[in-house]
C-alpha atoms as a PDB file:
ATOM      1  CA  UNK A   1    -144.328 -70.784  23.365  1.00  0.00           C
ATOM      2  CA  UNK A   2    -143.910 -67.066  24.177  1.00  0.00           C
ATOM      3  CA  UNK A   3    -144.281 -65.395  20.751  1.00  0.00           C
ATOM      4  CA  UNK A   4    -146.783 -66.602  18.175  1.00  0.00           C
ATOM      5  CA  UNK A   5    -148.399 -65.179  15.032  1.00  0.00           C
ATOM      6  CA  UNK A   6    -152.155 -65.176  14.442  1.00  0.00           C
ATOM      7  CA  UNK A   7    -153.488 -64.960  10.877  1.00  0.00           C
ATOM      8  CA  UNK A   8    -155.605 -61.823  10.493  1.00  0.00           C
ATOM      9  CA  UNK A   9    -158.687 -61.325   8.365  1.00  0.00           C
ATOM     10  CA  UNK A  10    -157.699 -59.334   5.296  1.00  0.00           C
ATOM     11  CA  UNK A  11    -154.081 -60.476   5.381  1.00  0.00           C
ATOM     12  CA  UNK A  12    -151.189 -60.005   7.695  1.00  0.00           C
ATOM     13  CA  UNK A  13    -150.334 -61.561  11.022  1.00  0.00           C
ATOM     14  CA  UNK A  14    -150.943 -60.353  14.574  1.00  0.00           C
ATOM     15  CA  UNK A  15    -148.070 -60.712  17.018  1.00  0.00           C
ATOM     16  CA  UNK A  16    -149.168 -62.377  20.250  1.00  0.00           C
ATOM     17  CA  UNK A  17    -147.238 -63.068  23.445  1.00  0.00           C
ATOM     18  CA  UNK A  18    -148.343 -66.297  25.143  1.00  0.00           C
ATOM     19  CA  UNK A  19    -147.355 -68.244  28.219  1.00  0.00           C
ATOM     20  CA  UNK A  20    -148.681 -71.528  29.580  1.00  0.00           C
ATOM     21  CA  UNK A  21    -148.069 -73.678  32.637  1.00  0.00           C
ATOM     22  CA  UNK A  22    -146.360 -77.043  32.249  1.00  0.00           C
ATOM     23  CA  UNK A  23    -149.368 -79.078  33.422  1.00  0.00           C
ATOM     24  CA  UNK A  24    -152.281 -80.441  31.372  1.00  0.00           C
ATOM     25  CA  UNK A  25    -155.680 -78.848  30.706  1.00  0.00           C
ATOM     26  CA  UNK A  26    -155.977 -75.458  32.389  1.00  0.00           C
ATOM     27  CA  UNK A  27    -158.151 -72.346  31.980  1.00  0.00           C
ATOM     28  CA  UNK A  28    -157.057 -69.592  29.630  1.00  0.00           C
ATOM     29  CA  UNK A  29    -157.414 -65.818  29.397  1.00  0.00           C
ATOM     30  CA  UNK A  30    -156.776 -63.167  26.770  1.00  0.00           C
ATOM     31  CA  UNK A  31    -155.138 -60.013  28.129  1.00  0.00           C
ATOM     32  CA  UNK A  32    -156.009 -56.798  26.285  1.00  0.00           C
ATOM     33  CA  UNK A  33    -153.112 -54.459  25.637  1.00  0.00           C
ATOM     34  CA  UNK A  34    -153.008 -50.709  26.069  1.00  0.00           C
ATOM     35  CA  UNK A  35    -152.204 -48.227  23.320  1.00  0.00           C
ATOM     36  CA  UNK A  36    -148.545 -48.966  24.062  1.00  0.00           C
ATOM     37  CA  UNK A  37    -148.945 -52.484  22.685  1.00  0.00           C
ATOM     38  CA  UNK A  38    -147.460 -55.594  24.258  1.00  0.00           C
ATOM     39  CA  UNK A  39    -144.771 -54.055  26.448  1.00  0.00           C
ATOM     40  CA  UNK A  40    -142.584 -55.418  29.238  1.00  0.00           C
ATOM     41  CA  UNK A  41    -145.254 -54.857  31.911  1.00  0.00           C
ATOM     42  CA  UNK A  42    -147.857 -56.810  29.963  1.00  0.00           C
ATOM     43  CA  UNK A  43    -145.411 -59.653  29.310  1.00  0.00           C
ATOM     44  CA  UNK A  44    -144.743 -59.845  33.060  1.00  0.00           C
ATOM     45  CA  UNK A  45    -148.490 -60.117  33.731  1.00  0.00           C
ATOM     46  CA  UNK A  46    -148.808 -62.937  31.183  1.00  0.00           C
ATOM     47  CA  UNK A  47    -145.821 -64.773  32.695  1.00  0.00           C
ATOM     48  CA  UNK A  48    -147.246 -64.313  36.217  1.00  0.00           C
ATOM     49  CA  UNK A  49    -150.596 -65.801  35.179  1.00  0.00           C
ATOM     50  CA  UNK A  50    -148.832 -68.777  33.616  1.00  0.00           C
ATOM     51  CA  UNK A  51    -146.912 -69.358  36.846  1.00  0.00           C
ATOM     52  CA  UNK A  52    -150.300 -69.515  38.628  1.00  0.00           C
ATOM     53  CA  UNK A  53    -151.659 -72.210  36.302  1.00  0.00           C
ATOM     54  CA  UNK A  54    -153.440 -70.221  33.581  1.00  0.00           C
ATOM     55  CA  UNK A  55    -152.741 -70.062  29.852  1.00  0.00           C
ATOM     56  CA  UNK A  56    -152.492 -66.361  28.991  1.00  0.00           C
ATOM     57  CA  UNK A  57    -152.264 -64.617  25.622  1.00  0.00           C
ATOM     58  CA  UNK A  58    -151.685 -60.926  24.885  1.00  0.00           C
ATOM     59  CA  UNK A  59    -152.263 -60.049  21.212  1.00  0.00           C
ATOM     60  CA  UNK A  60    -150.946 -56.746  19.854  1.00  0.00           C
ATOM     61  CA  UNK A  61    -154.318 -55.204  19.016  1.00  0.00           C
ATOM     62  CA  UNK A  62    -152.750 -52.124  17.431  1.00  0.00           C
ATOM     63  CA  UNK A  63    -150.570 -54.044  14.982  1.00  0.00           C
ATOM     64  CA  UNK A  64    -152.069 -52.401  11.892  1.00  0.00           C
ATOM     65  CA  UNK A  65    -150.925 -48.941  13.015  1.00  0.00           C
ATOM     66  CA  UNK A  66    -148.043 -47.423  11.086  1.00  0.00           C
ATOM     67  CA  UNK A  67    -144.542 -48.110  12.354  1.00  0.00           C
ATOM     68  CA  UNK A  68    -143.859 -44.453  13.266  1.00  0.00           C
ATOM     69  CA  UNK A  69    -146.802 -44.440  15.675  1.00  0.00           C
ATOM     70  CA  UNK A  70    -145.793 -47.810  17.111  1.00  0.00           C
ATOM     71  CA  UNK A  71    -142.265 -46.537  17.708  1.00  0.00           C
ATOM     72  CA  UNK A  72    -143.661 -43.415  19.389  1.00  0.00           C
ATOM     73  CA  UNK A  73    -145.961 -45.552  21.593  1.00  0.00           C
ATOM     74  CA  UNK A  74    -143.028 -47.700  22.702  1.00  0.00           C
ATOM     75  CA  UNK A  75    -140.936 -44.602  23.437  1.00  0.00           C
ATOM     76  CA  UNK A  76    -143.793 -43.080  25.444  1.00  0.00           C
ATOM     77  CA  UNK A  77    -144.270 -46.324  27.364  1.00  0.00           C
ATOM     78  CA  UNK A  78    -140.575 -46.364  28.313  1.00  0.00           C
ATOM     79  CA  UNK A  79    -140.818 -42.744  29.512  1.00  0.00           C
ATOM     80  CA  UNK A  80    -143.929 -43.574  31.536  1.00  0.00           C
ATOM     81  CA  UNK A  81    -142.263 -46.592  33.216  1.00  0.00           C
ATOM     82  CA  UNK A  82    -139.115 -44.578  33.934  1.00  0.00           C
ATOM     83  CA  UNK A  83    -141.162 -41.752  35.482  1.00  0.00           C
ATOM     84  CA  UNK A  84    -143.076 -44.213  37.682  1.00  0.00           C
ATOM     85  CA  UNK A  85    -139.855 -45.772  38.977  1.00  0.00           C
ATOM     86  CA  UNK A  86    -138.117 -42.481  39.754  1.00  0.00           C
ATOM     87  CA  UNK A  87    -141.050 -40.493  41.189  1.00  0.00           C
ATOM     88  CA  UNK A  88    -140.925 -39.856  44.949  1.00  0.00           C
ATOM     89  CA  UNK A  89    -143.462 -41.890  46.914  1.00  0.00           C
ATOM     90  CA  UNK A  90    -145.421 -38.785  47.937  1.00  0.00           C
ATOM     91  CA  UNK A  91    -146.064 -37.792  44.298  1.00  0.00           C
ATOM     92  CA  UNK A  92    -147.219 -41.205  43.103  1.00  0.00           C
ATOM     93  CA  UNK A  93    -150.968 -41.486  42.571  1.00  0.00           C
ATOM     94  CA  UNK A  94    -152.878 -43.436  45.183  1.00  0.00           C
ATOM     95  CA  UNK A  95    -155.924 -45.560  44.612  1.00  0.00           C
ATOM     96  CA  UNK A  96    -158.936 -44.585  46.654  1.00  0.00           C
ATOM     97  CA  UNK A  97    -162.123 -46.533  46.622  1.00  0.00           C
ATOM     98  CA  UNK A  98    -165.402 -45.377  48.026  1.00  0.00           C
ATOM     99  CA  UNK A  99    -167.970 -47.740  49.454  1.00  0.00           C
ATOM    100  CA  UNK A 100    -170.676 -48.707  47.023  1.00  0.00           C
ATOM    101  CA  UNK A 101    -174.200 -48.901  48.356  1.00  0.00           C
ATOM    102  CA  UNK A 102    -176.253 -51.509  46.560  1.00  0.00           C
ATOM    103  CA  UNK A 103    -179.918 -50.712  46.167  1.00  0.00           C
ATOM    104  CA  UNK A 104    -182.747 -53.065  45.466  1.00  0.00           C
END
């Protein structure tokens, strides 16, 4: 079931990557893609959710963009992934969270 087409309003078809667990009725989620479209990272997230018992779908929301821009987005995404893999650990960004104080 991985790749499906969804009919779009105004003509055309949206590419959508889907994955589902083997068991019966389960919850489902729609995963929004980045400007890079449905790339390898997003497909891995969809597959991971399916392995945990959730139907997941990732439509290519930027499918109407011209093919030159789509090709450039895919090229940029590959560069970004390559840079993340090869960057030394000290230069990789870290996630810092600050405590949130709830007020009544």
